Amino acid sequence: MFHDIDQSGAFCHTDYHTPDSVASLDSLENWFSTPRLHRYAAATRPDLLYIWNTRLSKAFLEDVGHVEVLLRNFIHHRLAKDCGQDDWYHATTRYRFNQPFQRSVAKVERQLRNRGRDATPDQVIAELSFDSWRFLLTQRHEVTIWRALINLKNGGMPHYRSRNRADFESDVELIRRLRNRASHQEPLILEAGPTTAEAEQLDAYAAALENTAARIDPDGAQWIIANSRVEAIRKLRP
């Protein structure tokens, strides 16, 4: 994901601790629970590994956030153009939305109104969850939504030559799983020490982010990569 990108300034703070910030495994387990610290327990410095995992998670979440906004705006613009209305998410007859997506839209609109806000298309699009966008990429919607997304009359996906829905969905699903793990402070490490399997998993996360962004807009993908802290933090693994 980060080949040939200058990231010299992407992550400048490399000191993980000061003498006053050293924490024992017992302290960490007392603060955050023994089950949560299980994968860190065998490390020489569990506290450093825990902090590293936290910072890597946050760095990944920055990239996920950028790709999520890119993805939702892409879908919004293509479907609005396709059906001729900004609230395309109400065009149920045309797109045959699945029930999870319809429930998500109804929930967002209800929450907006309960807060005294208008449920405008811009507000609804901004508040729909990542899961909601994932629902739109399933095989069920291949002949409706996916066809509209890749239709050049709507803008299409000119940078995605194969236009393979399953591959696109697979990467978005991997991003969704990464987002859930990182946002819930679940470990990205597999063991206390670095392993090939861990490196491959982190590479897969990075590739899914790059692939998804590049298929939508290569320039946007390059900007996300150039500003990412992920690769720099990965090199600092304790």
Protein backbone atom coordinates (compact mmCIF):
# COMPACT_ATOMS: atom_id res chain seq x y z
CA MET A 1 0.00 0.00 0.00
CA PHE A 2 2.77 2.42 0.81
CA HIS A 3 5.38 1.69 -1.86
CA ASP A 4 7.15 4.75 -3.32
CA ILE A 5 5.35 7.12 -0.95
CA ASP A 6 7.41 9.52 1.16
CA GLN A 7 6.20 9.09 4.72
CA SER A 8 9.13 10.68 6.48
CA GLY A 9 6.83 13.02 8.36
CA ALA A 10 3.85 10.73 8.74
CA PHE A 11 4.69 9.68 12.29
CA CYS A 12 7.26 11.70 14.15
CA HIS A 13 6.68 10.62 17.75
CA THR A 14 8.64 7.40 18.28
CA ASP A 15 9.12 7.37 22.05
CA TYR A 16 6.48 5.08 23.49
CA HIS A 17 7.04 5.81 27.15
CA THR A 18 8.71 7.86 29.84
CA PRO A 19 10.02 6.41 33.13
CA ASP A 20 6.76 7.37 34.83
CA SER A 21 4.61 5.60 32.25
CA VAL A 22 5.97 2.06 32.65
CA ALA A 23 3.19 -0.35 33.63
CA SER A 24 3.40 -3.96 34.77
CA LEU A 25 1.28 -6.74 33.30
CA ASP A 26 -0.60 -6.95 36.61
CA SER A 27 -1.50 -3.28 36.37
CA LEU A 28 -2.65 -3.60 32.77
CA GLU A 29 -4.79 -6.61 33.62
CA ASN A 30 -6.29 -4.74 36.56
CA TRP A 31 -7.11 -1.74 34.38
CA PHE A 32 -8.20 -3.46 31.17
CA SER A 33 -8.98 -7.11 32.18
CA THR A 34 -6.96 -10.31 31.94
CA PRO A 35 -8.75 -11.65 28.84
CA ARG A 36 -7.99 -8.45 26.91
CA LEU A 37 -4.29 -8.70 27.81
CA HIS A 38 -3.97 -12.39 26.93
CA ARG A 39 -2.06 -11.89 23.69
CA TYR A 40 0.30 -9.37 25.27
CA ALA A 41 1.21 -11.37 28.37
CA ALA A 42 4.27 -13.14 26.95
CA ALA A 43 5.88 -9.94 25.66
CA THR A 44 9.00 -8.59 27.35
CA ARG A 45 7.16 -5.30 27.78
CA PRO A 46 3.41 -5.94 27.52
CA ASP A 47 2.71 -2.25 28.11
CA LEU A 48 4.77 -1.16 25.08
CA LEU A 49 3.10 -3.75 22.87
CA TYR A 50 -0.35 -2.71 24.09
CA ILE A 51 0.37 0.95 23.36
CA TRP A 52 1.77 0.05 19.94
CA ASN A 53 -1.35 -1.94 19.09
CA THR A 54 -3.51 0.98 20.22
CA ARG A 55 -1.62 3.45 18.06
CA LEU A 56 -1.69 1.14 15.07
CA SER A 57 -5.44 0.73 15.52
CA LYS A 58 -5.95 4.49 15.60
CA ALA A 59 -3.78 4.96 12.53
CA PHE A 60 -5.77 2.35 10.63
CA LEU A 61 -9.00 4.03 11.75
CA GLU A 62 -7.82 7.31 10.22
CA ASP A 63 -7.43 5.57 6.86
CA VAL A 64 -10.70 3.68 7.27
CA GLY A 65 -12.47 6.97 7.94
CA HIS A 66 -11.14 8.51 4.73
CA VAL A 67 -12.06 5.46 2.66
CA GLU A 68 -15.50 5.25 4.26
CA VAL A 69 -16.33 8.83 3.28
CA LEU A 70 -14.94 8.25 -0.23
CA LEU A 71 -17.07 5.11 -0.57
CA ARG A 72 -20.31 6.62 0.68
CA ASN A 73 -19.95 9.74 -1.49
CA PHE A 74 -19.24 7.56 -4.53
CA ILE A 75 -22.34 5.44 -3.94
CA HIS A 76 -24.46 8.49 -3.16
CA HIS A 77 -23.47 10.37 -6.33
CA ARG A 78 -23.85 7.35 -8.62
CA LEU A 79 -27.26 6.29 -7.33
CA ALA A 80 -28.61 9.85 -7.20
CA LYS A 81 -27.60 10.27 -10.85
CA ASP A 82 -29.05 6.89 -11.77
CA CYS A 83 -32.53 7.45 -10.33
CA GLY A 84 -32.69 11.24 -10.57
CA GLN A 85 -33.28 11.90 -6.88
CA ASP A 86 -30.95 12.72 -3.99
CA ASP A 87 -32.97 10.52 -1.63
CA TRP A 88 -32.29 7.44 -3.76
CA TYR A 89 -32.42 5.36 -0.58
CA HIS A 90 -36.22 5.67 -0.79
CA ALA A 91 -36.28 4.18 -4.31
CA THR A 92 -37.03 0.74 -2.90
CA THR A 93 -38.97 -0.48 -5.92
CA ARG A 94 -36.11 0.40 -8.26
CA TYR A 95 -33.24 -1.00 -6.20
CA ARG A 96 -34.99 -3.64 -4.07
CA PHE A 97 -33.00 -2.76 -0.97
CA ASN A 98 -32.57 -5.49 1.60
CA GLN A 99 -34.25 -5.20 4.98
CA PRO A 100 -31.09 -4.31 6.97
CA PHE A 101 -30.48 -1.28 4.74
CA GLN A 102 -34.10 -0.13 4.91
CA ARG A 103 -34.06 -0.43 8.70
CA SER A 104 -30.82 1.55 8.86
CA VAL A 105 -32.29 4.40 6.81
CA ALA A 106 -35.47 4.48 8.90
CA LYS A 107 -33.42 4.53 12.11
CA VAL A 108 -31.22 7.40 10.93
CA GLU A 109 -34.22 9.46 9.82
CA ARG A 110 -35.98 8.84 13.13
CA GLN A 111 -32.90 9.82 15.15
CA LEU A 112 -32.43 13.01 13.13
CA ARG A 113 -36.03 14.07 13.69
CA ASN A 114 -35.81 13.22 17.39
CA ARG A 115 -32.90 15.66 17.57
CA GLY A 116 -34.99 18.34 15.88
CA ARG A 117 -33.12 18.14 12.59
CA ASP A 118 -34.41 17.72 9.06
CA ALA A 119 -33.72 14.31 7.56
CA THR A 120 -32.18 15.75 4.39
CA PRO A 121 -30.25 13.49 2.01
CA ASP A 122 -26.94 15.06 3.09
CA GLN A 123 -27.72 14.36 6.76
CA VAL A 124 -28.92 10.82 6.11
CA ILE A 125 -25.89 9.94 3.97
CA ALA A 126 -23.51 11.32 6.60
CA GLU A 127 -25.11 9.32 9.41
CA LEU A 128 -25.52 5.92 7.79
CA SER A 129 -23.12 3.38 9.25
CA PHE A 130 -20.35 1.58 7.41
CA ASP A 131 -22.46 -1.58 7.66
CA SER A 132 -25.20 0.17 5.69
CA TRP A 133 -22.89 0.77 2.74
CA ARG A 134 -21.66 -2.79 2.98
CA PHE A 135 -25.27 -4.03 2.65
CA LEU A 136 -25.52 -2.38 -0.77
CA LEU A 137 -22.62 -4.36 -2.24
CA THR A 138 -23.98 -7.88 -1.78
CA GLN A 139 -24.75 -10.29 -4.60
CA ARG A 140 -28.46 -9.63 -4.08
CA HIS A 141 -27.95 -6.13 -5.48
CA GLU A 142 -25.68 -7.04 -8.40
CA VAL A 143 -28.29 -6.43 -11.10
CA THR A 144 -29.67 -3.28 -9.49
CA ILE A 145 -27.25 -1.25 -7.39
CA TRP A 146 -23.96 -2.62 -8.70
CA ARG A 147 -25.09 -2.18 -12.30
CA ALA A 148 -25.95 1.44 -11.53
CA LEU A 149 -22.59 2.03 -9.82
CA ILE A 150 -20.54 0.82 -12.78
CA ASN A 151 -22.74 2.41 -15.46
CA LEU A 152 -20.63 5.04 -17.22
CA LYS A 153 -23.75 7.14 -17.81
CA ASN A 154 -23.80 7.69 -14.04
CA GLY A 155 -20.05 8.25 -13.82
CA GLY A 156 -19.24 4.56 -13.45
CA MET A 157 -15.94 3.15 -12.21
CA PRO A 158 -13.52 4.00 -15.03
CA HIS A 159 -10.49 3.17 -12.88
CA TYR A 160 -11.74 -0.32 -11.98
CA ARG A 161 -11.19 -2.28 -15.17
CA SER A 162 -12.64 -5.64 -14.10
CA ARG A 163 -15.65 -4.07 -12.35
CA ASN A 164 -15.94 -7.31 -10.38
CA ARG A 165 -18.52 -6.82 -7.64
CA ALA A 166 -17.40 -9.79 -5.53
CA ASP A 167 -13.81 -8.54 -5.31
CA PHE A 168 -14.97 -5.03 -4.42
CA GLU A 169 -17.34 -6.37 -1.78
CA SER A 170 -14.62 -8.62 -0.34
CA ASP A 171 -12.28 -5.69 0.25
CA VAL A 172 -15.05 -3.56 1.77
CA GLU A 173 -15.98 -6.44 4.07
CA LEU A 174 -12.35 -6.75 5.21
CA ILE A 175 -12.30 -3.01 5.92
CA ARG A 176 -15.50 -3.41 7.92
CA ARG A 177 -13.92 -6.15 10.05
CA LEU A 178 -10.80 -4.04 10.57
CA ARG A 179 -12.95 -1.07 11.57
CA ASN A 180 -14.83 -3.14 14.13
CA ARG A 181 -11.68 -4.63 15.65
CA ALA A 182 -9.82 -1.34 15.83
CA SER A 183 -12.72 0.71 17.15
CA HIS A 184 -13.40 -1.83 19.91
CA GLN A 185 -9.75 -1.95 20.96
CA GLU A 186 -9.43 -5.60 19.93
CA PRO A 187 -5.83 -6.70 19.29
CA LEU A 188 -4.45 -6.52 15.78
CA ILE A 189 -1.47 -8.57 16.97
CA LEU A 190 -1.74 -12.35 16.78
CA GLU A 191 0.98 -13.21 19.29
CA ALA A 192 3.36 -11.40 21.62
CA GLY A 193 6.11 -11.62 19.02
CA PRO A 194 5.88 -10.66 15.35
CA THR A 195 4.76 -13.45 13.02
CA THR A 196 4.42 -13.91 9.29
CA ALA A 197 0.68 -14.44 9.71
CA GLU A 198 0.33 -11.11 11.51
CA ALA A 199 2.29 -9.28 8.83
CA GLU A 200 0.17 -10.86 6.12
CA GLN A 201 -3.03 -9.88 7.90
CA LEU A 202 -1.92 -6.26 8.31
CA ASP A 203 -0.82 -6.22 4.67
CA ALA A 204 -4.27 -7.48 3.69
CA TYR A 205 -5.95 -4.68 5.64
CA ALA A 206 -3.73 -2.09 3.96
CA ALA A 207 -4.34 -3.59 0.52
CA ALA A 208 -8.11 -3.59 1.02
CA LEU A 209 -8.01 0.11 1.89
CA GLU A 210 -5.83 0.96 -1.08
CA ASN A 211 -7.78 -1.20 -3.53
CA THR A 212 -11.13 0.24 -2.53
CA ALA A 213 -9.95 3.84 -2.70
CA ALA A 214 -8.04 3.38 -5.97
CA ARG A 215 -11.01 1.74 -7.69
CA ILE A 216 -13.09 4.80 -6.84
CA ASP A 217 -10.51 7.56 -7.32
CA PRO A 218 -6.76 6.93 -7.73
CA ASP A 219 -5.88 10.51 -6.77
CA GLY A 220 -7.90 10.18 -3.58
CA ALA A 221 -6.18 6.89 -2.85
CA GLN A 222 -2.74 8.45 -3.27
CA TRP A 223 -3.66 11.28 -0.89
CA ILE A 224 -4.85 8.81 1.74
CA ILE A 225 -1.68 6.76 1.39
CA ALA A 226 0.60 9.80 1.53
CA ASN A 227 -0.99 10.92 4.80
CA SER A 228 -1.27 7.50 6.42
CA ARG A 229 0.65 6.73 9.62
CA VAL A 230 0.16 2.97 9.38
CA GLU A 231 3.42 1.93 7.72
CA ALA A 232 5.56 4.11 9.97
CA ILE A 233 3.92 2.72 13.11
CA ARG A 234 4.20 -0.87 11.89
CA LYS A 235 7.97 -0.45 11.68
CA LEU A 236 8.05 0.42 15.38
CA ARG A 237 6.59 -2.87 16.60
CA PRO A 238 8.17 -3.78 19.97
